[in-house]
Protein backbone atom coordinates (compact mmCIF):
# COMPACT_ATOMS: atom_id res chain seq x y z
CA UNK A 1 4.92 -1.75 -33.31
CA UNK A 2 6.30 -3.62 -30.27
CA UNK A 3 7.24 -7.29 -30.36
CA UNK A 4 4.71 -9.07 -28.16
CA UNK A 5 7.19 -9.89 -25.39
CA UNK A 6 8.31 -6.23 -24.93
CA UNK A 7 5.10 -4.86 -23.36
CA UNK A 8 4.80 -8.06 -21.33
CA UNK A 9 8.25 -7.55 -19.81
CA UNK A 10 7.59 -3.84 -19.24
CA UNK A 11 4.33 -4.66 -17.46
CA UNK A 12 6.12 -7.23 -15.31
CA UNK A 13 8.80 -4.68 -14.39
CA UNK A 14 6.16 -2.08 -13.50
CA UNK A 15 4.21 -4.46 -11.28
CA UNK A 16 7.40 -5.76 -9.66
CA UNK A 17 8.36 -2.13 -8.96
CA UNK A 18 5.03 -1.61 -7.22
CA UNK A 19 5.49 -4.80 -5.18
CA UNK A 20 9.01 -3.78 -4.17
CA UNK A 21 7.66 -0.38 -3.10
CA UNK A 22 4.95 -2.08 -1.05
CA UNK A 23 7.44 -4.47 0.52
CA UNK A 24 9.76 -1.60 1.41
CA UNK A 25 6.88 0.09 3.24
CA UNK A 26 6.11 -3.08 5.13
CA UNK A 27 9.75 -3.56 6.08
CA UNK A 28 9.99 0.08 7.19
CA UNK A 29 6.81 -0.25 9.26
CA UNK A 30 8.04 -3.43 10.92
CA UNK A 31 11.48 -1.98 11.66
CA UNK A 32 9.96 1.12 13.28
CA UNK A 33 7.47 -0.98 15.27
CA UNK A 34 10.22 -3.28 16.57
CA UNK A 35 12.34 -0.25 17.45
CA UNK A 36 9.48 1.34 19.42
CA UNK A 37 8.39 -1.87 21.16
CA UNK A 38 11.99 -2.47 22.28
CA UNK A 39 12.24 1.19 23.48
CA UNK A 40 15.06 1.80 21.03
CA UNK A 41 17.18 -1.20 22.08
CA UNK A 42 16.82 -2.81 18.66
CA UNK A 43 18.08 -0.41 15.96
CA UNK A 44 16.17 0.12 12.74
CA UNK A 45 18.59 -1.96 10.69
CA UNK A 46 18.14 -4.76 13.24
CA UNK A 47 14.38 -4.55 12.75
CA UNK A 48 14.88 -4.85 8.99
CA UNK A 49 16.97 -8.00 9.46
CA UNK A 50 14.30 -9.51 11.73
CA UNK A 51 11.61 -8.97 9.09
CA UNK A 52 13.63 -10.96 6.55
CA UNK A 53 12.65 -14.07 8.51
CA UNK A 54 9.00 -13.65 7.50
CA UNK A 55 9.83 -15.03 4.04
CA UNK A 56 10.64 -18.39 5.57
CA UNK A 57 7.69 -18.24 7.98
CA UNK A 58 5.19 -17.69 5.16
CA UNK A 59 6.78 -20.31 2.95
CA UNK A 60 6.52 -22.74 5.87
CA UNK A 61 2.83 -21.93 6.43
CA UNK A 62 2.10 -22.15 2.70
CA UNK A 63 3.16 -25.80 2.73
CA UNK A 64 0.16 -26.57 4.93
CA UNK A 65 -2.33 -25.16 2.42
CA UNK A 66 -3.67 -21.82 1.23
CA UNK A 67 -6.68 -21.98 3.57
CA UNK A 68 -4.47 -22.11 6.66
CA UNK A 69 -2.39 -19.22 5.37
CA UNK A 70 -5.54 -17.18 4.71
CA UNK A 71 -6.81 -18.00 8.22
CA UNK A 72 -3.53 -16.78 9.70
CA UNK A 73 -3.77 -13.49 7.80
CA UNK A 74 -7.40 -13.20 8.83
CA UNK A 75 -6.30 -13.43 12.48
CA UNK A 76 -3.70 -10.70 11.99
CA UNK A 77 -6.20 -8.40 10.26
CA UNK A 78 -8.71 -9.02 13.08
CA UNK A 79 -6.12 -7.99 15.67
CA UNK A 80 -5.35 -4.86 13.64
CA UNK A 81 -9.04 -3.95 13.37
CA UNK A 82 -9.65 -4.49 17.10
CA UNK A 83 -6.62 -2.49 18.26
CA UNK A 84 -7.31 0.49 16.03
CA UNK A 85 -11.03 0.17 16.81
CA UNK A 86 -10.11 0.51 20.48
CA UNK A 87 -8.08 3.62 19.65
CA UNK A 88 -11.00 5.01 17.64
CA UNK A 89 -13.40 4.61 20.57
CA UNK A 90 -10.85 6.08 22.98
CA UNK A 91 -10.21 9.33 21.07
CA UNK A 92 -13.95 9.85 20.36
CA UNK A 93 -13.72 11.71 17.01
CA UNK A 94 -16.41 14.11 15.81
CA UNK A 95 -18.71 11.82 13.80
CA UNK A 96 -20.34 14.69 11.91
CA UNK A 97 -16.99 15.94 10.62
CA UNK A 98 -15.96 12.39 9.81
CA UNK A 99 -19.01 11.83 7.61
CA UNK A 100 -18.54 15.24 6.02
CA UNK A 101 -14.96 14.37 5.10
CA UNK A 102 -16.01 10.99 3.70
CA UNK A 103 -18.68 12.30 1.35
CA UNK A 104 -17.49 15.87 0.67
CA UNK A 105 -13.68 15.69 0.33
CA UNK A 106 -11.95 19.02 0.85
CA UNK A 107 -8.63 20.35 2.12
CA UNK A 108 -8.32 23.90 3.35
CA UNK A 109 -5.04 25.77 2.65
CA UNK A 110 -3.41 22.65 1.19
CA UNK A 111 -0.23 22.64 -0.85
CA UNK A 112 1.98 20.11 -2.64
CA UNK A 113 2.83 18.01 0.47
CA UNK A 114 -0.88 17.48 1.18
CA UNK A 115 -1.54 16.70 -2.50
CA UNK A 116 1.28 14.14 -2.39
CA UNK A 117 -0.37 12.41 0.57
CA UNK A 118 -3.79 12.48 -1.12
CA UNK A 119 -2.44 10.85 -4.29
CA UNK A 120 -0.44 8.42 -2.19
CA UNK A 121 -3.59 7.23 -0.42
CA UNK A 122 -4.95 6.05 -3.77
CA UNK A 123 -1.93 3.82 -4.32
CA UNK A 124 -1.67 2.70 -0.69
CA UNK A 125 -5.30 1.58 -0.45
CA UNK A 126 -5.74 -0.05 -3.89
CA UNK A 127 -2.19 -1.38 -4.50
CA UNK A 128 -1.78 -2.48 -8.14
CA UNK A 129 -0.37 -5.95 -7.49
CA UNK A 130 -3.48 -6.89 -5.51
CA UNK A 131 -5.43 -6.72 -8.78
CA UNK A 132 -3.43 -9.73 -9.94
CA UNK A 133 -3.47 -11.38 -6.51
CA UNK A 134 -7.28 -11.57 -6.34
CA UNK A 135 -7.35 -12.99 -9.86
CA UNK A 136 -4.71 -15.59 -8.97
CA UNK A 137 -6.62 -16.68 -5.87
CA UNK A 138 -9.48 -17.73 -8.14
CA UNK A 139 -7.21 -20.44 -9.58
CA UNK A 140 -6.75 -21.96 -6.12
CA UNK A 141 -10.48 -22.78 -5.76
CA UNK A 142 -11.85 -26.13 -6.88
CA UNK A 143 -14.53 -25.14 -9.43
CA UNK A 144 -15.76 -27.11 -12.43
CA UNK A 145 -15.13 -24.48 -15.09
CA UNK A 146 -17.04 -26.47 -17.69
CA UNK A 147 -20.26 -26.00 -15.70
CA UNK A 148 -21.59 -22.47 -16.29
CA UNK A 149 -23.94 -22.64 -13.33
CA UNK A 150 -21.09 -23.56 -11.00
CA UNK A 151 -18.86 -20.82 -12.42
CA UNK A 152 -21.67 -18.27 -12.03
CA UNK A 153 -22.15 -19.31 -8.41
CA UNK A 154 -18.40 -19.13 -7.77
CA UNK A 155 -18.29 -15.63 -9.30
CA UNK A 156 -21.03 -14.53 -6.90
CA UNK A 157 -19.14 -15.73 -3.85
CA UNK A 158 -15.84 -14.28 -5.10
CA UNK A 159 -17.62 -10.95 -5.49
CA UNK A 160 -18.96 -11.17 -1.92
CA UNK A 161 -15.52 -12.17 -0.61
CA UNK A 162 -13.84 -9.21 -2.34
CA UNK A 163 -16.50 -6.79 -1.07
CA UNK A 164 -16.00 -7.98 2.51
CA UNK A 165 -12.22 -7.67 2.21
CA UNK A 166 -12.44 -4.17 0.74
CA UNK A 167 -14.99 -3.08 3.35
CA UNK A 168 -12.79 -4.28 6.23
CA UNK A 169 -9.82 -2.49 4.64
CA UNK A 170 -11.96 0.65 4.31
CA UNK A 171 -12.96 0.53 7.99
CA UNK A 172 -9.38 -0.01 9.18
CA UNK A 173 -8.18 2.91 7.03
CA UNK A 174 -10.88 5.14 8.56
CA UNK A 175 -9.72 4.11 12.04
CA UNK A 176 -6.07 4.85 11.20
CA UNK A 177 -6.63 8.26 9.60
CA UNK A 178 -9.17 9.37 12.21
CA UNK A 179 -7.00 8.40 15.20
CA UNK A 180 -4.03 10.30 13.76
CA UNK A 181 -6.14 13.34 12.88
CA UNK A 182 -7.83 13.52 16.29
CA UNK A 183 -4.56 13.07 18.17
CA UNK A 184 -2.27 15.39 16.22
CA UNK A 185 -4.24 17.95 14.20
CA UNK A 186 -3.58 21.59 15.18
CA UNK A 187 -1.04 20.58 17.83
CA UNK A 188 2.27 22.36 18.43
CA UNK A 189 5.63 20.91 19.41
CA UNK A 190 5.14 22.39 22.88
CA UNK A 191 1.82 20.56 23.31
CA UNK A 192 3.43 17.24 22.46
CA UNK A 193 6.55 17.93 24.51
CA UNK A 194 4.30 18.45 27.54
CA UNK A 195 2.47 15.18 26.92
CA UNK A 196 5.79 13.34 26.63
CA UNK A 197 7.04 14.92 29.87
CA UNK A 198 3.86 14.00 31.77
CA UNK A 199 4.02 10.39 30.58
CA UNK A 200 7.81 10.05 31.10
CA UNK A 201 8.22 9.21 27.43
CA UNK A 202 11.80 8.59 26.26
CA UNK A 203 10.98 10.31 22.95
CA UNK A 204 10.40 13.89 24.17
CA UNK A 205 13.68 14.98 22.53
CA UNK A 206 12.01 14.51 19.15
CA UNK A 207 9.87 17.59 19.80
CA UNK A 208 11.48 20.94 20.68
CA UNK A 209 9.61 23.03 23.23
CA UNK A 210 8.37 25.71 20.81
CA UNK A 211 5.10 26.85 19.25
CA UNK A 212 5.79 25.58 15.75
CA UNK A 213 3.09 23.40 14.20
CA UNK A 214 3.64 19.70 14.83
CA UNK A 215 4.76 17.62 11.85
CA UNK A 216 4.00 13.93 12.32
CA UNK A 217 5.39 10.90 10.53
CA UNK A 218 5.10 7.19 11.32
CA UNK A 219 7.94 7.17 13.84
CA UNK A 220 6.76 10.26 15.71
CA UNK A 221 3.16 9.07 15.59
CA UNK A 222 4.08 5.75 17.17
CA UNK A 223 6.26 7.37 19.84
CA UNK A 224 3.55 9.92 20.74
CA UNK A 225 0.51 7.71 20.94
CA UNK A 226 -0.62 7.38 24.56
CA UNK A 227 -1.69 3.79 23.90
CA UNK A 228 1.49 3.16 21.97
CA UNK A 229 1.45 -0.61 22.34
CA UNK A 230 -1.92 -0.69 20.56
CA UNK A 231 -0.49 1.50 17.81
CA UNK A 232 2.72 -0.37 17.16
CA UNK A 233 1.15 -3.83 17.09
CA UNK A 234 -0.86 -2.95 13.96
CA UNK A 235 2.23 -1.18 12.62
CA UNK A 236 4.14 -4.42 13.07
CA UNK A 237 1.32 -6.43 11.50
CA UNK A 238 1.42 -4.30 8.33
CA UNK A 239 4.47 -6.34 7.36
CA UNK A 240 2.45 -9.55 7.48
CA UNK A 241 0.85 -9.30 4.04
CA UNK A 242 2.38 -11.84 1.65
CA UNK A 243 2.55 -10.07 -1.71
CA UNK A 244 2.11 -12.16 -4.88
CA UNK A 245 5.73 -12.11 -6.03
CA UNK A 246 5.90 -15.70 -7.16
CA UNK A 247 2.51 -15.60 -8.90
CA UNK A 248 3.49 -12.60 -11.02
CA UNK A 249 6.98 -13.82 -11.78
CA UNK A 250 5.65 -17.18 -12.90
CA UNK A 251 2.77 -15.66 -14.88
CA UNK A 252 4.60 -12.91 -16.72
CA UNK A 253 7.90 -14.69 -17.37
CA UNK A 254 6.67 -18.29 -17.33
CA UNK A 255 9.53 -19.19 -15.00
CA UNK A 256 9.61 -22.74 -13.68
CA UNK A 257 11.66 -21.96 -10.61
CA UNK A 258 10.61 -23.34 -7.25
CA UNK A 259 8.29 -21.15 -5.18
CA UNK A 260 11.05 -20.80 -2.56
CA UNK A 261 13.56 -19.49 -5.13
CA UNK A 262 11.09 -16.99 -6.64
CA UNK A 263 9.99 -15.55 -3.29
CA UNK A 264 13.54 -15.41 -1.94
CA UNK A 265 14.79 -13.53 -5.02
CA UNK A 266 12.04 -10.92 -5.12
CA UNK A 267 12.01 -10.48 -1.33
CA UNK A 268 15.77 -9.89 -1.36
CA UNK A 269 15.38 -7.22 -4.04
CA UNK A 270 12.83 -5.44 -1.84
CA UNK A 271 14.71 -5.73 1.45
CA UNK A 272 18.21 -4.81 0.24
CA UNK A 273 17.64 -1.07 -0.52
CA UNK A 274 15.64 -0.66 2.69
CA UNK A 275 18.43 -2.23 4.71
CA UNK A 276 21.00 0.16 3.21
CA UNK A 277 18.78 3.15 3.98
CA UNK A 278 18.24 1.91 7.57
CA UNK A 279 21.99 1.50 8.11
CA UNK A 280 23.24 4.72 6.52
CA UNK A 281 20.33 7.13 7.10
CA UNK A 282 18.28 8.22 10.09
CA UNK A 283 14.64 7.41 10.77
CA UNK A 284 13.38 10.59 9.07
CA UNK A 285 14.55 9.23 5.73
CA UNK A 286 12.82 5.92 6.39
CA UNK A 287 9.47 7.45 7.28
CA UNK A 288 9.76 10.08 4.55
CA UNK A 289 10.01 7.31 1.95
CA UNK A 290 6.43 6.24 2.69
CA UNK A 291 4.70 9.06 0.83
CA UNK A 292 6.98 8.62 -2.16
CA UNK A 293 6.35 4.87 -2.29
CA UNK A 294 2.58 5.40 -2.04
CA UNK A 295 2.71 7.78 -5.00
CA UNK A 296 4.82 5.23 -6.89
CA UNK A 297 2.07 2.64 -6.45
CA UNK A 298 -0.55 5.12 -7.61
CA UNK A 299 1.47 5.76 -10.77
CA UNK A 300 1.64 2.00 -11.39
CA UNK A 301 -2.13 1.45 -11.13
CA UNK A 302 -2.91 1.84 -14.87
CA UNK A 303 -0.39 -0.93 -15.66
CA UNK A 304 -2.48 -3.35 -13.60
CA UNK A 305 -5.98 -2.03 -14.31
CA UNK A 306 -5.71 -1.86 -18.12
CA UNK A 307 -4.59 -5.49 -18.66
CA UNK A 308 -7.14 -6.81 -16.16
CA UNK A 309 -9.95 -4.86 -17.81
CA UNK A 310 -8.74 -5.95 -21.25
CA UNK A 311 -8.57 -9.68 -20.57
CA UNK A 312 -11.84 -9.78 -18.63
CA UNK A 313 -13.53 -8.08 -21.58
CA UNK A 314 -12.33 -10.58 -24.20
CA UNK A 315 -15.01 -13.14 -25.19
CA UNK A 316 -12.26 -15.47 -26.41
CA UNK A 317 -10.91 -15.62 -22.84
CA UNK A 318 -14.00 -15.16 -20.69
CA UNK A 319 -16.66 -16.61 -23.06
CA UNK A 320 -20.12 -15.93 -21.56
CA UNK A 321 -18.59 -14.14 -18.56
CA UNK A 322 -16.87 -11.32 -20.46
CA UNK A 323 -17.48 -7.77 -19.25
CA UNK A 324 -20.53 -6.01 -20.65
CA UNK A 325 -20.57 -2.47 -22.02
CA UNK A 326 -21.30 -0.93 -18.61
CA UNK A 327 -18.24 -2.44 -16.94
CA UNK A 328 -16.01 -1.59 -19.91
CA UNK A 329 -17.08 2.08 -19.78
CA UNK A 330 -16.93 2.26 -15.97
CA UNK A 331 -13.49 0.64 -15.89
CA UNK A 332 -12.21 2.89 -18.66
CA UNK A 333 -13.43 6.03 -16.87
CA UNK A 334 -11.82 4.87 -13.62
CA UNK A 335 -8.48 4.36 -15.36
CA UNK A 336 -8.78 7.77 -17.03
CA UNK A 337 -9.51 9.40 -13.65
CA UNK A 338 -6.46 7.77 -12.03
CA UNK A 339 -4.22 8.87 -14.92
CA UNK A 340 -5.53 12.45 -14.63
CA UNK A 341 -4.93 12.48 -10.86
CA UNK A 342 -1.39 11.17 -11.35
CA UNK A 343 -0.54 13.70 -14.07
CA UNK A 344 -1.99 16.58 -12.06
CA UNK A 345 0.18 15.58 -9.11
CA UNK A 346 3.33 15.28 -11.25
CA UNK A 347 2.78 18.75 -12.74
CA UNK A 348 2.03 20.34 -9.34
CA UNK A 349 4.98 18.61 -7.65
CA UNK A 350 7.54 19.50 -10.33
CA UNK A 351 6.31 23.11 -10.56
CA UNK A 352 6.91 23.52 -6.82
CA UNK A 353 10.60 22.60 -7.27
CA UNK A 354 11.38 25.62 -9.51
CA UNK A 355 14.08 23.86 -11.52
CA UNK A 356 14.22 23.92 -15.32
CA UNK A 357 16.14 20.65 -15.53
CA UNK A 358 13.48 18.90 -13.47
CA UNK A 359 10.77 20.41 -15.68
CA UNK A 360 12.37 18.89 -18.77
CA UNK A 361 13.03 15.53 -17.13
CA UNK A 362 9.47 15.29 -15.82
CA UNK A 363 8.09 16.24 -19.21
CA UNK A 364 10.09 13.48 -20.96
CA UNK A 365 9.09 10.85 -18.37
CA UNK A 366 5.45 11.96 -18.56
CA UNK A 367 5.42 11.57 -22.34
CA UNK A 368 6.93 8.06 -22.05
CA UNK A 369 4.46 7.14 -19.29
CA UNK A 370 1.40 8.39 -21.17
CA UNK A 371 2.61 6.86 -24.44
CA UNK A 372 2.82 3.40 -22.90
CA UNK A 373 -0.58 3.84 -21.24
CA UNK A 374 -1.99 4.88 -24.64
CA UNK A 375 -0.37 1.82 -26.26
CA UNK A 376 -1.99 -0.46 -23.68
CA UNK A 377 -5.37 1.19 -24.25
C-alpha cells in the first residue's frame, strides 16, 4: 500500500537519525575529553569546534586508500584497548562477580533509569548503521564474484574478520564497564570529595561533601579517575570512528554527489545541534544526552536488521549464498526480541512520568513504530 520509494526514504531517514545520534555522542565525548585534558581551559563548545576538523582529516586519509584508513583506525582501537586494559589491571575487579554478571544478568533494586541504561547498551554496542557499514566494506574487496569458490572463501574470511572486530569491541566494553563499576559503585559524594582533595583535583567542587550516593556521568567519571589521562585518551578516541554517511546516502537516495559533499552535509547535520547544546547548556545536559541517544539507536535497530535479513535471504539477490532456514528463524527471533525490549522500555519509561498526555503521545508513536516494523516484516 506504499509506493516503493516511501519505505526506502523512511528507512534512510531512520538510519540517518541513528548515525546523527552516534555522531553526537562522539562529538560530546571528544569535547569532554578535550575539556578535561586542557584542565578546563578549552570550553566544551571549543572542543566541539575542534572535532569538526576530523571530517577533513578522514577525507584526506581516505584518498590514500581504504586499507590505510583501516590501519589508522586499528591503531586507535589498539590504544583504546591498551589504556583501558591498564585501568582494568590496576583496579583489580572481582573476577567471580564479573563472570556472574556476564552469564547471569541481574540488577538488584533497579528502576527506570537503570532500565534506560540497559536498553541503551544494546544500541550503543550494536549500532544500526554498522550493519550497513560491514556490508558496504565487502564491496571494497577485490573478489571474482563469478567464481563461487572464491566467493565462499571470501565469505569465510569476512566472517572471521567480523568475529574478531566484535570480540575486540566486547573486550573493550567489559574493560569500560568494569573500571567504572569498581571505581564508583557504592561510593558517596564525601568519599569522592576526599579523593579529589587528596589528589589536588580541580574538580572537587562537582561533589558536595555529604553522604548522598554518588551519581556518575561521563564528565564526572573522567574528572574522578585517578589515572585520568588514560581515561580521557580513549574518550577522545571514541570520536575517531568514521560512520558510513556517504555510503548510506549514496545507496538509499542514489545521489551522485562527491564524497566530500556527502560527508560534509551529514557531518554538519550531526554537529550543529551538539554545538548549540554545548554553547547554551551546561555539561550535565551534554552527558545526560548519552543515555537518550543510546536508546534512540536501540529503537532504530529493527530498521537496519529487517532489510539486511530480507535481502540476504533472497535467492534472486544472493543466489547460492542466500540464508538458510536456520538463519532466517534466528534473525527473526533476534529482531522480535529487540522489538520487545524496546517496547517494554517505552512502556516502563512513560509510566514513570505520570502524565496522561505523554501516555497518549507514546501510544500513538508506538502504534506507528510497530506498524512500520510490521510492514517491513
